[in-house]
Amino acid sequence: MARRWPALHLLRRAGRAILDYALPPRCPACGVMVEADRQFCLSCWSALHFLDGPACIHCSIPLPTALPGQTVACGACLADPPPFEGAPAAVAYGPAARTVALRLKYGRRVGHARLMAGLMARPLRRLVEEEAQRAAAEGREEPLPLLLPIPLHRGRLWSRGFNQAALIAAALARETGIEANAHLLVRRKATAPLRGKGRRERQRILSGAFALASGARDRLAGRHLILVDDVHASGATLRAAARALQRSGAARVSALCWARVVPDALMTGNIFDFATFDSDMESGRISE
């Protein structure tokens, strides 16, 4: 029996070589051939802006003038604190990050969820560690983290066939061992596209859009709830979902996204206007 394993290993390697020859791995952003699956080419990897510097303690927008380790809040959160504490993203929203997100959402490249989760695992672990340190300093028990993907309305889920946020959350759960549940937060009404809408209009559209599922309160109380989505732009969707979770008795509500739209003044090279995007992007044009 033991002699069969080397042979099986060789067969798998041979099968992989044949597959790579027929369907070579390609960069998820630009499509050029690369050495392995879920790997960016050098050009696209260099173009990614990883958001691991000083940031607002509430919304996690980069604050380049803050000192590392300094606890500060941005002006927007001081004026109108969001209903979540911490909303890190893996990368800034730019051409490469945008292409990956759109190819997952509209191009049905579901394997991109695992790629995105791999880069989101680091800020997720940091978010969980920060809450653990805060709980220890306050002399209370560390709340168990729980990943909750932003839900789709059943009509959109039926038409698309999958929820990209749920795929990312499931991949994050496999990557980190943190529990994920896609059924405790529901979207009870379909909403109009948010792109190009003003702040008050976005709030009106999303008012009452999210709710706790039946029996969810008992499973969410006392936990560190982490909303998962692909893109954080205006933050309207995350705010609406977090408000619904605040009614659960959670110890803390946070958010985590693949990409964060950052104004030009805070991120050199970001060519996108953060006011015109949201996680509910409707433009599905993908340049192949």
Protein backbone atom coordinates (compact mmCIF):
# COMPACT_ATOMS: atom_id res chain seq x y z
CA MET A 1 0.00 0.00 0.00
CA ALA A 2 2.80 2.40 0.91
CA ARG A 3 4.42 1.96 -2.51
CA ARG A 4 1.36 3.39 -4.26
CA TRP A 5 1.74 6.90 -2.82
CA PRO A 6 4.90 7.88 -4.79
CA ALA A 7 3.20 6.72 -7.97
CA LEU A 8 0.08 8.74 -7.15
CA HIS A 9 2.22 11.79 -6.46
CA LEU A 10 3.97 11.42 -9.82
CA LEU A 11 0.63 11.06 -11.59
CA ARG A 12 -0.63 14.25 -10.00
CA ARG A 13 2.50 16.14 -10.99
CA ALA A 14 2.20 14.85 -14.55
CA GLY A 15 -1.48 15.80 -14.67
CA ARG A 16 -0.67 19.26 -13.36
CA ALA A 17 2.03 19.73 -15.99
CA ILE A 18 -0.38 18.74 -18.77
CA LEU A 19 -3.06 21.08 -17.40
CA ASP A 20 -0.58 23.97 -17.15
CA TYR A 21 0.46 23.36 -20.74
CA ALA A 22 -3.12 23.29 -22.03
CA LEU A 23 -4.43 26.04 -19.72
CA PRO A 24 -1.44 27.99 -18.41
CA PRO A 25 -1.94 30.05 -15.22
CA ARG A 26 -2.60 33.70 -15.95
CA CYS A 27 -2.39 36.91 -13.99
CA PRO A 28 -5.87 37.60 -12.55
CA ALA A 29 -5.57 41.29 -13.43
CA CYS A 30 -4.02 41.51 -16.91
CA GLY A 31 -4.16 37.91 -18.15
CA VAL A 32 -0.50 37.36 -19.02
CA MET A 33 0.93 33.92 -18.27
CA VAL A 34 2.46 33.47 -14.81
CA GLU A 35 4.19 30.63 -12.97
CA ALA A 36 1.33 29.51 -10.72
CA ASP A 37 -2.40 29.89 -10.08
CA ARG A 38 -3.61 32.89 -8.06
CA GLN A 39 -0.43 34.78 -8.77
CA PHE A 40 -0.08 38.32 -10.15
CA CYS A 41 2.49 39.22 -12.77
CA LEU A 42 5.27 41.50 -11.59
CA SER A 43 3.74 44.58 -13.21
CA CYS A 44 0.28 44.13 -11.63
CA TRP A 45 1.74 43.11 -8.26
CA SER A 46 3.84 46.27 -8.23
CA ALA A 47 0.75 48.33 -9.06
CA LEU A 48 -1.15 47.12 -5.97
CA HIS A 49 -1.17 49.58 -3.06
CA PHE A 50 -1.33 47.59 0.18
CA LEU A 51 -3.10 49.48 2.97
CA ASP A 52 -1.04 48.64 6.03
CA GLY A 53 -0.03 52.11 7.24
CA PRO A 54 -1.63 54.45 9.82
CA ALA A 55 -5.38 54.68 9.43
CA CYS A 56 -8.57 55.98 11.04
CA ILE A 57 -9.61 53.83 14.00
CA HIS A 58 -13.22 53.83 12.78
CA CYS A 59 -13.30 53.57 8.98
CA SER A 60 -9.62 52.62 8.42
CA ILE A 61 -9.07 55.20 5.69
CA PRO A 62 -5.31 55.83 5.32
CA LEU A 63 -3.95 58.77 7.30
CA PRO A 64 -0.43 59.35 5.93
CA THR A 65 0.35 62.13 8.42
CA ALA A 66 -0.42 60.01 11.49
CA LEU A 67 2.37 58.28 13.36
CA PRO A 68 2.48 54.46 13.35
CA GLY A 69 0.57 53.11 16.33
CA GLN A 70 -1.15 56.42 16.95
CA THR A 71 -4.89 56.21 17.71
CA VAL A 72 -6.59 58.80 15.54
CA ALA A 73 -9.88 59.31 13.72
CA CYS A 74 -10.46 61.03 10.41
CA GLY A 75 -12.52 64.20 10.17
CA ALA A 76 -15.47 62.45 8.55
CA CYS A 77 -15.74 59.91 11.37
CA LEU A 78 -15.38 62.62 14.02
CA ALA A 79 -18.33 64.44 12.43
CA ASP A 80 -20.42 61.32 11.83
CA PRO A 81 -19.06 58.17 13.53
CA PRO A 82 -19.85 55.00 11.57
CA PRO A 83 -21.68 52.09 13.25
CA PHE A 84 -18.56 49.91 12.99
CA GLU A 85 -15.11 49.95 14.57
CA GLY A 86 -12.40 49.30 12.03
CA ALA A 87 -12.93 48.61 8.34
CA PRO A 88 -9.58 47.60 6.85
CA ALA A 89 -9.04 46.57 3.26
CA ALA A 90 -6.22 44.61 1.69
CA VAL A 91 -5.46 47.05 -1.12
CA ALA A 92 -6.42 50.44 -2.49
CA TYR A 93 -8.94 50.43 -5.33
CA GLY A 94 -6.94 50.80 -8.54
CA PRO A 95 -6.89 49.26 -12.01
CA ALA A 96 -5.57 45.82 -10.96
CA ALA A 97 -7.75 45.53 -7.83
CA ARG A 98 -10.78 46.71 -9.80
CA THR A 99 -10.27 44.13 -12.55
CA VAL A 100 -10.00 41.29 -10.03
CA ALA A 101 -13.21 42.40 -8.29
CA LEU A 102 -15.15 42.77 -11.54
CA ARG A 103 -13.97 39.46 -12.93
CA LEU A 104 -15.19 37.74 -9.78
CA LYS A 105 -18.52 39.54 -9.70
CA TYR A 106 -19.42 39.71 -13.38
CA GLY A 107 -16.94 37.41 -15.11
CA ARG A 108 -17.77 34.43 -12.88
CA ARG A 109 -14.10 33.88 -12.04
CA VAL A 110 -15.05 32.41 -8.68
CA GLY A 111 -11.49 31.26 -8.06
CA HIS A 112 -10.56 34.92 -7.57
CA ALA A 113 -12.33 34.79 -4.19
CA ARG A 114 -9.54 32.57 -2.87
CA LEU A 115 -6.90 34.95 -4.25
CA MET A 116 -8.58 37.95 -2.60
CA ALA A 117 -9.02 36.09 0.69
CA GLY A 118 -5.33 35.23 0.75
CA LEU A 119 -4.42 38.92 0.75
CA MET A 120 -7.27 39.86 3.10
CA ALA A 121 -6.17 37.35 5.75
CA ARG A 122 -3.46 39.63 7.11
CA PRO A 123 -5.70 42.63 7.89
CA LEU A 124 -8.31 40.20 9.24
CA ARG A 125 -5.85 38.68 11.70
CA ARG A 126 -4.71 42.15 12.71
CA LEU A 127 -8.31 43.20 13.31
CA VAL A 128 -8.97 40.16 15.51
CA GLU A 129 -5.71 40.66 17.42
CA GLU A 130 -6.56 44.30 18.12
CA GLU A 131 -9.89 43.29 19.63
CA ALA A 132 -8.20 40.59 21.71
CA GLN A 133 -5.71 43.13 23.08
CA ARG A 134 -8.49 45.59 23.86
CA ALA A 135 -10.50 42.90 25.66
CA ALA A 136 -7.45 41.92 27.71
CA ALA A 137 -6.77 45.55 28.66
CA GLU A 138 -10.39 45.98 29.78
CA GLY A 139 -10.35 42.72 31.73
CA ARG A 140 -13.09 41.04 29.75
CA GLU A 141 -13.32 37.84 27.77
CA GLU A 142 -12.21 38.02 24.17
CA PRO A 143 -15.27 37.85 21.88
CA LEU A 144 -15.28 35.15 19.23
CA PRO A 145 -14.99 36.62 15.72
CA LEU A 146 -17.58 35.78 13.09
CA LEU A 147 -17.41 36.63 9.37
CA LEU A 148 -20.69 37.85 7.87
CA PRO A 149 -20.74 38.53 4.11
CA ILE A 150 -22.85 41.42 2.86
CA PRO A 151 -25.96 39.60 1.59
CA LEU A 152 -27.57 39.96 -1.81
CA HIS A 153 -31.30 40.27 -2.31
CA ARG A 154 -32.74 36.95 -3.44
CA GLY A 155 -33.57 38.38 -6.87
CA ARG A 156 -30.01 39.43 -7.56
CA LEU A 157 -28.66 36.21 -6.08
CA TRP A 158 -30.90 34.25 -8.44
CA SER A 159 -29.80 36.23 -11.50
CA ARG A 160 -26.07 36.21 -10.66
CA GLY A 161 -25.97 32.68 -9.28
CA PHE A 162 -23.67 33.44 -6.36
CA ASN A 163 -22.80 36.09 -3.79
CA GLN A 164 -19.21 37.23 -4.29
CA ALA A 165 -18.95 38.42 -0.67
CA ALA A 166 -20.03 34.99 0.56
CA LEU A 167 -17.39 33.31 -1.60
CA ILE A 168 -14.72 35.59 -0.16
CA ALA A 169 -15.92 34.99 3.41
CA ALA A 170 -15.88 31.22 2.90
CA ALA A 171 -12.35 31.39 1.49
CA LEU A 172 -11.28 33.55 4.45
CA ALA A 173 -12.74 30.98 6.83
CA ARG A 174 -10.68 28.24 5.20
CA GLU A 175 -7.58 30.44 5.23
CA THR A 176 -7.79 31.60 8.85
CA GLY A 177 -10.03 29.14 10.67
CA ILE A 178 -12.41 31.95 11.65
CA GLU A 179 -16.07 30.98 11.38
CA ALA A 180 -18.17 32.42 8.54
CA ASN A 181 -21.96 32.40 8.21
CA ALA A 182 -23.87 33.70 5.21
CA HIS A 183 -27.35 33.21 6.64
CA LEU A 184 -27.57 35.34 9.79
CA LEU A 185 -27.82 38.71 8.02
CA VAL A 186 -30.39 39.08 5.22
CA ARG A 187 -31.20 41.66 2.61
CA ARG A 188 -34.93 42.06 2.80
CA LYS A 189 -35.45 44.48 -0.06
CA ALA A 190 -33.90 45.08 -3.45
CA THR A 191 -32.15 48.43 -3.77
CA ALA A 192 -31.45 50.74 -6.67
CA PRO A 193 -27.83 51.16 -7.83
CA LEU A 194 -25.91 53.56 -5.58
CA ARG A 195 -23.36 54.75 -8.09
CA GLY A 196 -23.39 58.53 -8.47
CA LYS A 197 -25.91 59.08 -5.67
CA GLY A 198 -25.38 61.65 -2.93
CA ARG A 199 -24.98 60.76 0.70
CA ARG A 200 -28.59 61.37 1.73
CA GLU A 201 -29.92 59.55 -1.32
CA ARG A 202 -27.75 56.51 -0.55
CA GLN A 203 -29.02 56.49 3.03
CA ARG A 204 -32.61 56.68 1.81
CA ILE A 205 -32.12 53.82 -0.67
CA LEU A 206 -30.53 51.56 1.93
CA SER A 207 -32.84 52.40 4.81
CA GLY A 208 -34.25 49.13 6.14
CA ALA A 209 -32.46 47.05 3.50
CA PHE A 210 -30.77 44.72 6.00
CA ALA A 211 -32.16 42.74 8.91
CA LEU A 212 -31.22 39.91 11.22
CA ALA A 213 -32.42 36.47 10.19
CA SER A 214 -34.89 34.66 12.41
CA GLY A 215 -33.09 33.37 15.50
CA ALA A 216 -29.86 35.16 14.61
CA ARG A 217 -29.75 37.36 17.70
CA ASP A 218 -28.85 34.49 20.02
CA ARG A 219 -25.98 33.42 17.75
CA LEU A 220 -24.58 36.94 17.30
CA ALA A 221 -24.80 38.36 20.83
CA GLY A 222 -21.46 38.98 22.48
CA ARG A 223 -19.39 38.22 19.37
CA HIS A 224 -17.05 40.28 17.23
CA LEU A 225 -18.96 40.54 13.96
CA ILE A 226 -16.92 41.27 10.84
CA LEU A 227 -18.77 42.26 7.67
CA VAL A 228 -17.09 41.04 4.48
CA ASP A 229 -17.43 42.70 1.07
CA ASP A 230 -15.44 43.17 -2.11
CA VAL A 231 -15.19 46.97 -2.38
CA HIS A 232 -15.48 49.75 0.21
CA ALA A 233 -16.24 53.06 -1.47
CA SER A 234 -18.75 55.46 0.07
CA GLY A 235 -19.33 53.02 2.92
CA ALA A 236 -23.11 53.36 2.65
CA THR A 237 -23.72 49.62 2.31
CA LEU A 238 -21.41 48.76 5.21
CA ARG A 239 -23.05 51.38 7.42
CA ALA A 240 -26.55 50.09 6.67
CA ALA A 241 -25.56 46.49 7.36
CA ALA A 242 -23.67 47.44 10.54
CA ARG A 243 -26.70 49.29 11.91
CA ALA A 244 -28.73 46.09 11.55
CA LEU A 245 -26.02 44.14 13.39
CA GLN A 246 -25.92 46.64 16.24
CA ARG A 247 -29.34 45.34 17.27
CA SER A 248 -27.87 41.87 17.86
CA GLY A 249 -26.06 42.68 21.09
CA ALA A 250 -22.65 42.10 19.46
CA ALA A 251 -19.52 43.04 21.40
CA ARG A 252 -18.12 44.79 18.34
CA VAL A 253 -18.97 45.28 14.67
CA SER A 254 -16.18 45.69 12.12
CA ALA A 255 -15.79 45.34 8.37
CA LEU A 256 -13.24 43.91 5.97
CA CYS A 257 -12.97 44.39 2.21
CA TRP A 258 -10.75 43.43 -0.67
CA ALA A 259 -10.26 46.99 -1.93
CA ARG A 260 -10.85 50.47 -0.51
CA VAL A 261 -11.48 53.48 -2.73
CA VAL A 262 -9.16 56.18 -1.41
CA PRO A 263 -9.23 59.86 -2.43
CA ASP A 264 -6.27 61.09 -4.49
CA ALA A 265 -5.06 63.31 -1.67
CA LEU A 266 -4.47 60.22 0.50
CA MET A 267 -3.20 57.74 -2.08
CA THR A 268 -0.98 58.77 -4.97
CA GLY A 269 -1.88 57.03 -8.18
CA ASN A 270 -5.52 56.27 -7.31
CA ILE A 271 -7.39 57.56 -10.34
CA PHE A 272 -10.89 56.78 -9.08
CA ASP A 273 -13.32 59.19 -7.44
CA PHE A 274 -14.48 57.52 -4.22
CA ALA A 275 -17.86 59.30 -4.35
CA THR A 276 -18.92 57.53 -7.54
CA PHE A 277 -18.39 53.93 -6.44
CA ASP A 278 -19.96 51.54 -3.98
CA SER A 279 -19.81 47.86 -3.23
CA ASP A 280 -22.99 47.52 -5.32
CA MET A 281 -21.20 48.35 -8.58
CA GLU A 282 -23.49 47.97 -11.54
CA SER A 283 -21.01 48.55 -14.35
CA GLY A 284 -19.85 45.08 -15.24
CA ARG A 285 -17.60 45.93 -18.18
CA ILE A 286 -14.49 43.81 -18.05
CA SER A 287 -11.55 44.25 -20.36
CA GLU A 288 -10.33 40.79 -21.24
